[in-house]
Amino acid sequence: MNVLITEGMHEEGIRMFQQAGLRVWTLADIVSAKDVEVIVVRSVFNVDAAALDLYPSVKIVAKLGTGLDNIDQALCTRKGIAVLSTPGMNAVSTAEFAVAQILNIFKNSFEIHSRVLQRDFRRNLYYGREVSQYSAGIVGFGKVGKAIADRLKPFVKKMYVRDTHTQGDVIKHGFHYFAHQNDLLTVSDIVVLAVPLKNNEKMVDRAFLSRLKENCVLVNIARGGLVDKDALEHFLRSHPRAWYYCDVTDPEPDYALAPEEQSHLGALFSLPNVLYTPHIANLTDECQRSIAIAIAEKIVLLCQQKKSL
């Protein structure tokens, strides 16, 4: 079978395809679109009606990561196309990255680095804050949310959780679970979004933002579509002591383009209290290798099953 890798894949996964006798292509290769039988995507390439019209022989679609919002699952089901993913395998890398950025914000690391590059060594300008004096809230308690909470808990004063699977206000395992999201928002100095996009589009709206603390650090490690960008921009302009850190945006840029070819991300990302990284929280060799192996194993097994039919 012929596998199209649209956005890159760890070499270990590619090697497994080749060892199993599968032919591997990328978008840069000259291939016959009608011969593509497997599509492997990350977060940018959309598997929609247009893509499946272009690649009419596709039998398997696989996601290198968590979240299937760039795959039309209903359409794939109607066409008899199998959809594979690796939910939760990015949890450790994503959690480590999220906590690192929170600590950097509280310690003023980003501004310090920028000033030092300009030879500004005036230490009196570089005061940070002790994270231990602040409380954090995690909205969404799946594998990624729990991994973040476990790693952030030792640093903060209190840890709050909004988990739709936990009923009522309860305290267990050192976490305070809130029955209502609004209660979490009003008491948290740090709010981390770790929910799927489905059914949560633009959940960060004016009402959500109105409940945040004046100097809240809002962290979006999940999906850009969770945020109403106009509402957030207005909030951040009127609350200069607040911060928004995100590893995601909507729409996502073409990560292969050179800087001079890249279009601007918009007004939100020009604000001094916004920090953005280009969807790299799970980009560790360990994580990408594990995900690639898991997906390759699933694809090879399914290909063998289909071949035997």
Protein backbone atom coordinates (compact mmCIF):
# COMPACT_ATOMS: atom_id res chain seq x y z
CA MET A 1 0.00 0.00 0.00
CA ASN A 2 1.02 3.61 -0.56
CA VAL A 3 1.34 5.95 2.43
CA LEU A 4 1.24 9.75 2.09
CA ILE A 5 2.90 11.57 5.01
CA THR A 6 1.64 15.14 4.81
CA GLU A 7 3.51 16.94 7.61
CA GLY A 8 6.51 14.84 8.52
CA MET A 9 6.94 11.79 10.73
CA HIS A 10 9.67 10.41 12.96
CA GLU A 11 12.11 8.30 10.95
CA GLU A 12 11.40 5.24 13.13
CA GLY A 13 7.81 5.15 11.91
CA ILE A 14 8.87 5.58 8.29
CA ARG A 15 11.37 2.74 8.70
CA MET A 16 8.59 0.48 10.00
CA PHE A 17 6.48 1.26 6.93
CA GLN A 18 9.36 0.43 4.61
CA GLN A 19 10.18 -2.80 6.44
CA ALA A 20 6.55 -3.85 6.06
CA GLY A 21 6.71 -3.25 2.31
CA LEU A 22 4.65 -0.07 2.27
CA ARG A 23 5.67 2.70 -0.13
CA VAL A 24 6.12 6.10 1.56
CA TRP A 25 5.45 9.43 -0.16
CA THR A 26 5.38 13.07 0.93
CA LEU A 27 3.54 16.01 -0.62
CA ALA A 28 6.79 16.99 -2.34
CA ASP A 29 7.03 13.65 -4.13
CA ILE A 30 5.63 13.19 -7.61
CA VAL A 31 2.90 10.64 -7.08
CA SER A 32 -0.36 9.64 -8.63
CA ALA A 33 -3.00 10.95 -6.24
CA LYS A 34 -5.34 8.10 -7.09
CA ASP A 35 -2.78 5.60 -5.78
CA VAL A 36 -2.62 7.05 -2.25
CA GLU A 37 -4.23 4.56 0.15
CA VAL A 38 -3.10 5.85 3.55
CA ILE A 39 -2.86 9.49 4.69
CA VAL A 40 -0.87 10.42 7.81
CA VAL A 41 -1.49 13.94 9.17
CA ARG A 42 -0.58 16.16 12.09
CA SER A 43 -2.55 19.36 12.77
CA VAL A 44 -2.55 21.44 9.57
CA PHE A 45 -3.53 19.13 6.70
CA ASN A 46 -7.32 18.82 6.55
CA VAL A 47 -8.86 15.50 5.61
CA ASP A 48 -12.12 16.84 4.23
CA ALA A 49 -14.28 16.31 1.15
CA ALA A 50 -11.78 18.09 -1.10
CA ALA A 51 -8.87 15.95 0.13
CA LEU A 52 -10.79 12.70 -0.25
CA ASP A 53 -11.88 13.72 -3.75
CA LEU A 54 -8.22 14.32 -4.59
CA TYR A 55 -7.17 10.98 -3.05
CA PRO A 56 -10.11 8.71 -3.94
CA SER A 57 -8.40 5.42 -3.01
CA VAL A 58 -7.73 6.27 0.63
CA LYS A 59 -8.64 3.47 3.03
CA ILE A 60 -6.89 4.69 6.20
CA VAL A 61 -6.40 8.15 7.75
CA ALA A 62 -4.04 8.42 10.73
CA LYS A 63 -3.35 11.32 13.11
CA LEU A 64 0.09 11.76 14.66
CA GLY A 65 -1.19 13.11 17.94
CA THR A 66 -4.35 13.92 19.86
CA GLY A 67 -7.49 15.58 18.58
CA LEU A 68 -9.21 14.82 15.30
CA ASP A 69 -10.62 18.25 14.50
CA ASN A 70 -8.76 18.41 11.15
CA ILE A 71 -10.32 15.09 10.07
CA ASP A 72 -13.94 14.85 8.91
CA GLN A 73 -14.72 11.69 10.85
CA ALA A 74 -18.34 11.49 9.72
CA LEU A 75 -17.31 11.64 6.08
CA CYS A 76 -14.62 9.00 6.63
CA THR A 77 -17.18 6.73 8.28
CA ARG A 78 -19.58 7.11 5.36
CA LYS A 79 -16.79 6.23 2.94
CA GLY A 80 -15.64 3.25 4.99
CA ILE A 81 -12.28 4.88 5.79
CA ALA A 82 -10.61 3.84 9.05
CA VAL A 83 -9.45 6.72 11.30
CA LEU A 84 -6.52 6.05 13.64
CA SER A 85 -4.96 8.24 16.33
CA THR A 86 -2.75 8.11 19.43
CA PRO A 87 -4.72 9.85 22.20
CA GLY A 88 -2.75 10.89 25.26
CA MET A 89 0.70 9.89 24.03
CA ASN A 90 1.75 13.54 23.95
CA ALA A 91 0.71 14.13 27.56
CA VAL A 92 4.15 14.15 29.23
CA SER A 93 5.89 16.36 26.65
CA THR A 94 2.95 18.77 26.50
CA ALA A 95 2.70 18.99 30.28
CA GLU A 96 6.43 19.63 30.75
CA PHE A 97 6.33 22.34 28.11
CA ALA A 98 3.25 24.04 29.58
CA VAL A 99 4.69 24.14 33.09
CA ALA A 100 8.02 25.44 31.78
CA GLN A 101 6.30 28.36 30.05
CA ILE A 102 4.26 29.20 33.14
CA LEU A 103 7.42 29.33 35.24
CA ASN A 104 9.16 31.46 32.61
CA ILE A 105 6.29 33.95 32.65
CA PHE A 106 6.34 34.26 36.43
CA LYS A 107 10.12 34.62 36.46
CA ASN A 108 10.04 37.20 33.64
CA SER A 109 12.48 35.08 31.63
CA PHE A 110 11.31 36.16 28.18
CA GLU A 111 11.72 39.90 28.80
CA ILE A 112 15.03 39.35 30.58
CA HIS A 113 16.42 37.41 27.62
CA SER A 114 15.28 40.09 25.19
CA ARG A 115 16.82 42.89 27.27
CA VAL A 116 20.09 41.05 27.85
CA LEU A 117 20.50 40.62 24.09
CA GLN A 118 20.41 44.43 23.99
CA ARG A 119 23.15 44.52 26.69
CA ASP A 120 20.75 45.69 29.38
CA PHE A 121 22.04 44.13 32.60
CA ARG A 122 20.12 46.32 35.09
CA ARG A 123 19.04 43.68 37.60
CA ASN A 124 16.58 46.00 39.32
CA LEU A 125 14.34 45.71 36.24
CA TYR A 126 14.15 41.93 36.41
CA TYR A 127 11.98 41.14 39.40
CA GLY A 128 9.82 38.05 39.05
CA ARG A 129 7.12 36.44 41.18
CA GLU A 130 7.09 33.35 43.38
CA VAL A 131 4.68 30.87 41.83
CA SER A 132 4.16 29.29 45.26
CA GLN A 133 2.05 32.31 46.24
CA TYR A 134 -0.50 31.73 43.48
CA SER A 135 -3.25 29.26 42.61
CA ALA A 136 -3.77 27.39 39.35
CA GLY A 137 -6.85 25.98 37.66
CA ILE A 138 -6.99 23.30 34.98
CA VAL A 139 -10.03 23.29 32.68
CA GLY A 140 -10.22 19.75 31.29
CA PHE A 141 -8.80 16.74 33.09
CA GLY A 142 -8.01 14.20 30.42
CA LYS A 143 -4.53 12.72 30.07
CA VAL A 144 -2.92 16.05 29.15
CA GLY A 145 -4.79 18.06 31.79
CA LYS A 146 -3.92 15.58 34.52
CA ALA A 147 -0.27 15.44 33.44
CA ILE A 148 -0.10 19.25 33.67
CA ALA A 149 -1.82 19.30 37.06
CA ASP A 150 0.52 16.63 38.48
CA ARG A 151 3.59 18.63 37.42
CA LEU A 152 2.29 22.08 38.31
CA LYS A 153 0.88 21.15 41.72
CA PRO A 154 4.26 21.16 43.57
CA PHE A 155 4.88 24.76 42.47
CA VAL A 156 1.57 26.47 43.35
CA LYS A 157 -0.36 27.29 46.50
CA LYS A 158 -3.58 25.56 45.44
CA MET A 159 -4.61 23.46 42.48
CA TYR A 160 -8.16 23.60 41.13
CA VAL A 161 -9.72 21.32 38.52
CA ARG A 162 -12.84 21.51 36.39
CA ASP A 163 -13.60 17.95 35.28
CA THR A 164 -16.95 17.13 33.69
CA HIS A 165 -16.65 13.57 34.99
CA THR A 166 -16.44 14.65 38.63
CA GLN A 167 -19.69 15.63 40.32
CA GLY A 168 -19.92 18.40 42.91
CA ASP A 169 -17.25 20.31 44.80
CA VAL A 170 -14.86 17.71 46.19
CA ILE A 171 -11.23 17.55 47.27
CA LYS A 172 -9.28 14.41 46.48
CA HIS A 173 -5.67 13.53 45.69
CA GLY A 174 -4.69 17.11 46.57
CA PHE A 175 -6.93 18.66 43.91
CA HIS A 176 -10.02 20.80 44.51
CA TYR A 177 -12.62 19.82 41.90
CA PHE A 178 -15.20 22.48 41.07
CA ALA A 179 -18.70 21.64 39.91
CA HIS A 180 -18.89 24.90 37.98
CA GLN A 181 -16.22 26.35 35.72
CA ASN A 182 -17.01 29.94 36.76
CA ASP A 183 -15.98 29.16 40.34
CA LEU A 184 -12.58 27.97 39.14
CA LEU A 185 -12.04 31.06 36.99
CA THR A 186 -12.64 33.54 39.81
CA VAL A 187 -10.07 32.01 42.20
CA SER A 188 -7.27 30.96 39.82
CA ASP A 189 -4.22 33.10 39.08
CA ILE A 190 -3.24 30.64 36.35
CA VAL A 191 -5.89 29.08 34.09
CA VAL A 192 -4.85 26.27 31.75
CA LEU A 193 -7.09 25.17 28.88
CA ALA A 194 -6.75 21.42 28.26
CA VAL A 195 -10.08 20.56 26.63
CA PRO A 196 -10.87 19.23 23.13
CA LEU A 197 -12.14 21.65 20.51
CA LYS A 198 -15.35 19.71 19.86
CA ASN A 199 -18.27 21.36 21.70
CA ASN A 200 -15.90 24.00 23.13
CA GLU A 201 -15.44 26.35 20.17
CA LYS A 202 -14.80 29.94 21.36
CA MET A 203 -15.45 29.01 24.99
CA VAL A 204 -13.06 31.81 25.96
CA ASP A 205 -15.50 34.60 25.23
CA ARG A 206 -16.29 37.91 26.95
CA ALA A 207 -18.25 36.18 29.72
CA PHE A 208 -15.37 33.74 30.39
CA LEU A 209 -12.79 36.53 30.40
CA SER A 210 -14.86 38.78 32.67
CA ARG A 211 -14.45 36.23 35.46
CA LEU A 212 -10.66 36.07 35.31
CA LYS A 213 -8.44 37.81 37.84
CA GLU A 214 -6.87 41.12 36.86
CA ASN A 215 -3.39 39.63 36.44
CA CYS A 216 -4.37 36.11 35.39
CA VAL A 217 -2.05 34.00 33.24
CA LEU A 218 -4.23 32.21 30.67
CA VAL A 219 -2.55 29.21 29.05
CA ASN A 220 -3.93 27.56 25.91
CA ILE A 221 -2.13 24.29 25.27
CA ALA A 222 -5.08 22.69 23.44
CA ARG A 223 -6.56 24.35 20.33
CA GLY A 224 -6.67 27.90 18.96
CA GLY A 225 -10.36 27.59 18.17
CA LEU A 226 -11.18 27.59 21.90
CA VAL A 227 -10.63 31.34 21.93
CA ASP A 228 -12.67 34.25 20.62
CA LYS A 229 -9.66 36.26 19.45
CA ASP A 230 -11.48 39.61 19.31
CA ALA A 231 -12.77 39.21 22.86
CA LEU A 232 -9.35 38.11 24.11
CA GLU A 233 -7.57 40.99 22.39
CA HIS A 234 -9.96 43.46 24.04
CA PHE A 235 -9.40 41.83 27.45
CA LEU A 236 -5.61 41.88 27.16
CA ARG A 237 -5.51 45.50 26.03
CA SER A 238 -7.62 46.54 29.02
CA HIS A 239 -5.74 44.25 31.43
CA PRO A 240 -2.03 44.87 30.72
CA ARG A 241 -0.94 42.83 33.77
CA ALA A 242 -2.66 39.71 32.43
CA TRP A 243 -0.87 37.24 30.16
CA TYR A 244 -1.96 34.92 27.39
CA TYR A 245 0.38 32.09 26.46
CA CYS A 246 -0.59 29.74 23.64
CA ASP A 247 1.07 26.97 21.70
CA VAL A 248 -1.82 26.96 19.23
CA THR A 249 -3.72 29.37 17.02
CA ASP A 250 -6.62 29.24 14.59
CA PRO A 251 -6.03 28.93 11.74
CA GLU A 252 -2.61 27.34 12.09
CA PRO A 253 0.11 28.77 9.85
CA ASP A 254 2.04 26.79 7.26
CA TYR A 255 4.95 25.65 9.43
CA ALA A 256 7.16 24.98 6.41
CA LEU A 257 7.28 28.57 5.15
CA ALA A 258 10.34 30.78 5.57
CA PRO A 259 9.84 33.99 7.65
CA GLU A 260 9.71 36.23 4.57
CA GLU A 261 6.91 34.07 3.14
CA GLN A 262 4.85 33.86 6.32
CA SER A 263 1.67 35.89 6.66
CA HIS A 264 1.05 37.85 9.86
CA LEU A 265 -0.77 36.06 12.65
CA GLY A 266 -2.96 39.05 13.49
CA ALA A 267 -3.29 41.86 16.03
CA LEU A 268 -3.55 39.56 19.05
CA PHE A 269 0.01 38.29 18.62
CA SER A 270 1.51 41.78 18.49
CA LEU A 271 0.42 42.55 22.06
CA PRO A 272 3.22 42.74 24.67
CA ASN A 273 1.36 40.41 27.05
CA VAL A 274 0.92 37.60 24.52
CA LEU A 275 3.40 34.76 24.04
CA TYR A 276 3.04 32.27 21.20
CA THR A 277 4.98 29.16 20.25
CA PRO A 278 4.25 27.33 16.96
CA HIS A 279 2.54 24.16 18.20
CA ILE A 280 5.74 22.61 19.55
CA ALA A 281 4.71 21.41 23.02
CA ASN A 282 4.95 17.75 22.02
CA LEU A 283 7.97 18.13 19.76
CA THR A 284 10.42 15.99 21.69
CA ASP A 285 12.26 13.10 20.13
CA GLU A 286 10.87 10.73 22.76
CA CYS A 287 7.26 11.77 22.17
CA GLN A 288 7.41 11.86 18.37
CA ARG A 289 9.19 8.52 18.22
CA SER A 290 6.59 6.87 20.44
CA ILE A 291 3.69 8.34 18.47
CA ALA A 292 5.22 7.37 15.12
CA ILE A 293 5.83 3.78 16.26
CA ALA A 294 2.30 3.46 17.66
CA ILE A 295 0.69 4.80 14.48
CA ALA A 296 2.95 2.76 12.20
CA GLU A 297 2.08 -0.42 14.11
CA LYS A 298 -1.65 0.30 13.78
CA ILE A 299 -1.37 1.09 10.07
CA VAL A 300 0.79 -1.93 9.23
CA LEU A 301 -1.57 -4.27 11.12
CA LEU A 302 -4.65 -2.81 9.43
CA CYS A 303 -2.99 -2.98 6.00
CA GLN A 304 -2.19 -6.64 6.59
CA GLN A 305 -5.76 -7.31 7.64
CA LYS A 306 -7.18 -5.54 4.58
CA LYS A 307 -4.77 -7.40 2.30
CA SER A 308 -5.88 -10.74 3.70
CA LEU A 309 -9.55 -10.02 3.02
